[in-house]
Amino acid sequence: MIFWSSNRVYGADRLNALPRRETQSRFEYDSEAWSRLPNELRPAGFHPVHGISEDFSIDGGQRSIYGLSKLIADAACQEYAQAYDLPVVVNRFGVISGIGQFGHADQGWVVWWAIAHWFKLPLTYLGWQGKQVRDVLFVEDMLVLLDLQIAQMARFRGDVFNLGGGAGNALSLQEATRSMQEISSRSTSVTVSDQARKGDIALYWTDYRKAAQQLGWKPRIDLRTGFQRIFEWIRQNEAELRARYAP
């Protein structure tokens, strides 16, 4: 069994406490601040270059009820796999995007951002001035990963993998806006709200090195290529999408 878990098993309180710095367009992990910390104060499962790995603590709160439900199921999968010698793998995915996804503000935000630009629908940065950062994994790379895991299922016993686009595919909402304006040659109005969503995370990207080492996998599709494919899908399905999003 492959269980589709989430990076929301990690509490926002711990993630937001990691050292970060603010640039003109985004938040970034602060390598200098991290290097000054004594070893005993450096949280396990975090590296300022690579991001958040499977060893990051699942203690703490502000993970949302959705994240809590994933955490409970995530732990149950690991427990049953080891107790009953079952072939189970747990994938803690971050943002997954790609063609065919009907995105909304709370799920599938990358495609929603593209659709909003195409149809000139208004957008809002909810807190953080739009500098909050996520890494994006495109569906084609996800399917390659699943094929690799299915071919090796017999060896898994509740193994956990953190999976995402990584630092190379990380961007802020501000950066996503600029990139999509450039690719689509379209723009839309963007307002800024000072009120962040409860339990929101300022900065997250995935340390997928375990999957790279054990499965020989890493994401291949970069942000620009993925965005271009999404806009081409929107163009080809404009009438259907207009009826759904901009009737």
Protein backbone atom coordinates (compact mmCIF):
# COMPACT_ATOMS: atom_id res chain seq x y z
CA MET A 1 0.00 0.00 0.00
CA ILE A 2 1.16 3.50 -0.79
CA PHE A 3 -0.26 6.06 1.63
CA TRP A 4 -0.61 9.63 0.36
CA SER A 5 0.45 11.68 3.36
CA SER A 6 1.27 15.38 3.53
CA ASN A 7 3.90 17.79 4.76
CA ARG A 8 1.14 19.25 6.94
CA VAL A 9 1.93 16.52 9.46
CA TYR A 10 4.59 19.01 10.61
CA GLY A 11 3.32 21.77 12.86
CA ALA A 12 3.50 25.36 11.68
CA ASP A 13 4.81 26.44 15.08
CA ARG A 14 8.02 24.45 14.63
CA LEU A 15 8.40 25.25 10.93
CA ASN A 16 7.95 28.97 11.47
CA ALA A 17 10.54 28.92 14.26
CA LEU A 18 13.30 27.85 11.85
CA PRO A 19 15.84 30.59 11.04
CA ARG A 20 14.82 32.57 7.98
CA ARG A 21 15.58 35.84 6.30
CA GLU A 22 13.41 38.11 4.20
CA THR A 23 14.35 39.28 0.72
CA GLN A 24 12.54 41.62 -1.63
CA SER A 25 10.31 38.85 -2.99
CA ARG A 26 10.47 35.86 -0.63
CA PHE A 27 11.51 34.24 2.62
CA GLU A 28 14.57 32.01 2.61
CA TYR A 29 16.18 29.77 5.18
CA ASP A 30 19.01 31.64 6.90
CA SER A 31 22.18 29.55 6.59
CA GLU A 32 24.27 32.02 8.58
CA ALA A 33 21.90 32.07 11.55
CA TRP A 34 21.70 28.27 11.44
CA SER A 35 25.49 27.90 11.37
CA ARG A 36 25.77 29.99 14.54
CA LEU A 37 23.49 27.65 16.48
CA PRO A 38 25.19 25.09 18.73
CA ASN A 39 24.76 21.55 17.38
CA GLU A 40 22.42 20.62 20.22
CA LEU A 41 20.05 23.44 19.22
CA ARG A 42 19.90 22.55 15.54
CA PRO A 43 16.61 20.75 14.93
CA ALA A 44 16.86 17.29 13.43
CA GLY A 45 15.49 16.96 9.93
CA PHE A 46 16.28 20.51 8.86
CA HIS A 47 19.02 21.83 6.59
CA PRO A 48 18.95 25.45 5.38
CA VAL A 49 19.94 24.44 1.84
CA HIS A 50 18.03 21.18 1.39
CA GLY A 51 14.95 21.91 3.54
CA ILE A 52 12.75 19.60 5.61
CA SER A 53 13.43 15.85 5.73
CA GLU A 54 11.60 12.87 7.19
CA ASP A 55 13.42 13.30 10.52
CA PHE A 56 11.83 16.66 11.32
CA SER A 57 9.75 16.51 14.50
CA ILE A 58 6.03 15.87 14.18
CA ASP A 59 5.47 17.33 17.67
CA GLY A 60 3.83 20.71 18.12
CA GLY A 61 0.64 22.19 16.74
CA GLN A 62 -0.89 24.47 14.12
CA ARG A 63 -0.96 21.76 11.48
CA SER A 64 -4.72 22.19 10.76
CA ILE A 65 -7.39 19.54 11.22
CA TYR A 66 -6.53 18.29 7.74
CA GLY A 67 -2.90 17.89 8.79
CA LEU A 68 -3.93 16.18 12.01
CA SER A 69 -5.99 13.61 10.10
CA LYS A 70 -3.00 12.93 7.84
CA LEU A 71 -0.70 12.57 10.86
CA ILE A 72 -2.98 10.03 12.53
CA ALA A 73 -3.28 7.96 9.34
CA ASP A 74 0.45 8.36 8.63
CA ALA A 75 1.34 6.92 12.05
CA ALA A 76 -1.24 4.13 11.72
CA CYS A 77 0.26 3.04 8.40
CA GLN A 78 3.73 2.83 9.91
CA GLU A 79 2.46 0.94 12.95
CA TYR A 80 0.46 -1.63 11.01
CA ALA A 81 3.28 -2.17 8.53
CA GLN A 82 5.72 -3.05 11.28
CA ALA A 83 3.28 -4.94 13.49
CA TYR A 84 1.96 -7.19 10.72
CA ASP A 85 4.91 -7.18 8.31
CA LEU A 86 2.93 -5.37 5.59
CA PRO A 87 4.39 -3.72 2.48
CA VAL A 88 3.52 -0.08 3.11
CA VAL A 89 5.19 3.17 2.07
CA VAL A 90 4.23 6.64 3.34
CA ASN A 91 4.74 9.60 0.99
CA ARG A 92 4.68 13.03 2.61
CA PHE A 93 3.99 15.21 -0.42
CA GLY A 94 4.05 18.97 -0.54
CA VAL A 95 2.49 20.99 -3.35
CA ILE A 96 1.59 18.81 -6.35
CA SER A 97 0.59 20.53 -9.56
CA GLY A 98 0.12 19.94 -13.25
CA ILE A 99 -2.30 19.73 -16.14
CA GLY A 100 -5.78 18.45 -15.41
CA GLN A 101 -5.91 19.86 -11.89
CA PHE A 102 -8.93 22.01 -11.05
CA GLY A 103 -7.24 24.28 -8.54
CA HIS A 104 -8.69 26.55 -5.89
CA ALA A 105 -7.20 28.94 -3.35
CA ASP A 106 -7.02 26.29 -0.63
CA GLN A 107 -5.98 23.32 -2.78
CA GLY A 108 -4.00 23.24 -6.01
CA TRP A 109 -2.94 26.85 -5.68
CA VAL A 110 -0.46 26.79 -8.59
CA VAL A 111 -3.10 25.89 -11.19
CA TRP A 112 -5.55 28.27 -9.53
CA TRP A 113 -2.95 31.05 -9.86
CA ALA A 114 -2.57 30.26 -13.57
CA ILE A 115 -6.34 30.10 -14.17
CA ALA A 116 -6.83 33.40 -12.35
CA HIS A 117 -4.26 35.06 -14.59
CA TRP A 118 -5.77 33.60 -17.76
CA PHE A 119 -9.31 34.72 -16.96
CA LYS A 120 -8.27 37.86 -15.06
CA LEU A 121 -9.83 36.72 -11.79
CA PRO A 122 -8.78 38.65 -8.66
CA LEU A 123 -6.18 37.18 -6.33
CA THR A 124 -5.20 37.92 -2.73
CA TYR A 125 -1.98 37.47 -0.80
CA LEU A 126 -3.15 36.23 2.60
CA GLY A 127 -0.47 37.50 4.96
CA TRP A 128 3.31 37.54 4.63
CA GLN A 129 3.02 40.14 1.79
CA GLY A 130 2.93 37.23 -0.64
CA LYS A 131 6.46 36.20 0.33
CA GLN A 132 5.49 32.78 1.67
CA VAL A 133 7.39 30.04 -0.17
CA ARG A 134 6.52 26.50 -1.24
CA ASP A 135 8.21 23.98 -3.50
CA VAL A 136 6.26 22.48 -6.39
CA LEU A 137 6.28 18.89 -7.64
CA PHE A 138 4.72 18.35 -11.04
CA VAL A 139 2.50 15.36 -11.64
CA GLU A 140 4.76 13.79 -14.29
CA ASP A 141 7.61 13.51 -11.76
CA MET A 142 5.22 12.17 -9.14
CA LEU A 143 4.11 9.36 -11.48
CA VAL A 144 7.72 8.37 -12.14
CA LEU A 145 8.24 8.12 -8.38
CA LEU A 146 5.15 5.96 -7.89
CA ASP A 147 6.29 3.56 -10.62
CA LEU A 148 9.63 3.18 -8.83
CA GLN A 149 7.93 2.49 -5.52
CA ILE A 150 5.43 0.00 -6.96
CA ALA A 151 8.30 -1.95 -8.54
CA GLN A 152 9.95 -2.23 -5.10
CA MET A 153 6.93 -2.55 -2.79
CA ALA A 154 8.10 -5.84 -1.29
CA ARG A 155 10.95 -4.14 0.56
CA PHE A 156 8.94 -1.38 2.25
CA ARG A 157 7.69 -1.73 5.81
CA GLY A 158 6.25 1.65 6.69
CA ASP A 159 9.11 3.58 5.10
CA VAL A 160 8.54 7.35 5.02
CA PHE A 161 9.62 9.68 2.22
CA ASN A 162 9.42 13.46 2.08
CA LEU A 163 8.70 14.33 -1.54
CA GLY A 164 8.52 17.59 -3.40
CA GLY A 165 10.18 19.81 -5.94
CA GLY A 166 12.90 20.83 -3.50
CA ALA A 167 14.80 24.10 -3.24
CA GLY A 168 15.21 24.31 -7.02
CA ASN A 169 11.43 24.35 -7.53
CA ALA A 170 10.58 26.67 -4.64
CA LEU A 171 8.99 30.06 -5.15
CA SER A 172 6.89 32.65 -3.37
CA LEU A 173 3.45 33.89 -4.34
CA GLN A 174 5.02 37.14 -5.54
CA GLU A 175 7.43 35.18 -7.73
CA ALA A 176 4.64 32.97 -9.04
CA THR A 177 2.69 36.08 -10.04
CA ARG A 178 5.60 37.52 -11.99
CA SER A 179 6.42 34.21 -13.66
CA MET A 180 2.84 33.60 -14.77
CA GLN A 181 2.46 37.13 -16.07
CA GLU A 182 5.58 36.62 -18.16
CA ILE A 183 4.58 33.19 -19.53
CA SER A 184 0.93 33.97 -20.23
CA SER A 185 1.31 37.66 -21.18
CA ARG A 186 -1.74 38.24 -18.97
CA SER A 187 -2.18 39.86 -15.58
CA THR A 188 -4.84 40.26 -12.94
CA SER A 189 -5.45 42.36 -9.85
CA VAL A 190 -3.75 41.21 -6.64
CA THR A 191 -4.70 42.60 -3.24
CA VAL A 192 -2.78 42.14 -0.01
CA SER A 193 -4.33 41.10 3.29
CA ASP A 194 -2.30 41.48 6.48
CA GLN A 195 -4.17 38.55 8.02
CA ALA A 196 -2.43 35.25 7.34
CA ARG A 197 -4.42 32.04 7.45
CA LYS A 198 -4.39 30.34 10.82
CA GLY A 199 -1.53 27.85 10.97
CA ASP A 200 -0.02 29.08 7.71
CA ILE A 201 3.65 28.41 7.04
CA ALA A 202 5.99 31.19 5.95
CA LEU A 203 8.53 28.91 4.31
CA TYR A 204 8.80 25.27 3.31
CA TRP A 205 10.74 23.28 0.80
CA THR A 206 11.34 19.55 0.72
CA ASP A 207 14.54 17.69 1.40
CA TYR A 208 14.01 14.72 -0.93
CA ARG A 209 17.53 13.28 -0.58
CA LYS A 210 16.28 10.02 0.94
CA ALA A 211 14.23 9.28 -2.19
CA ALA A 212 17.21 10.24 -4.34
CA GLN A 213 19.51 7.88 -2.44
CA GLN A 214 17.16 4.92 -2.04
CA LEU A 215 15.10 5.15 -5.23
CA GLY A 216 17.34 7.02 -7.62
CA TRP A 217 14.61 9.63 -8.04
CA LYS A 218 14.60 13.39 -8.26
CA PRO A 219 12.24 15.88 -9.89
CA ARG A 220 13.08 16.71 -13.50
CA ILE A 221 10.45 19.27 -14.50
CA ASP A 222 11.40 22.81 -13.57
CA LEU A 223 8.97 25.57 -12.70
CA ARG A 224 8.99 27.29 -16.08
CA THR A 225 8.37 24.07 -17.99
CA GLY A 226 5.61 23.05 -15.60
CA PHE A 227 3.94 26.46 -15.80
CA GLN A 228 4.12 26.46 -19.59
CA ARG A 229 2.39 23.06 -19.72
CA ILE A 230 -0.34 24.28 -17.39
CA PHE A 231 -1.04 27.35 -19.52
CA GLU A 232 -1.12 25.24 -22.66
CA TRP A 233 -3.69 22.95 -20.99
CA ILE A 234 -5.75 25.99 -20.02
CA ARG A 235 -5.62 27.30 -23.58
CA GLN A 236 -6.73 23.96 -25.01
CA ASN A 237 -9.60 23.67 -22.52
CA GLU A 238 -10.52 27.34 -22.27
CA ALA A 239 -14.25 26.94 -22.85
CA GLU A 240 -14.69 24.26 -20.19
CA LEU A 241 -12.55 26.13 -17.68
CA ARG A 242 -14.32 29.42 -18.35
CA ALA A 243 -17.67 27.77 -17.62
CA ARG A 244 -16.27 26.45 -14.34
CA TYR A 245 -14.35 29.49 -13.12
CA ALA A 246 -15.58 32.56 -14.99
CA PRO A 247 -19.17 31.96 -16.20
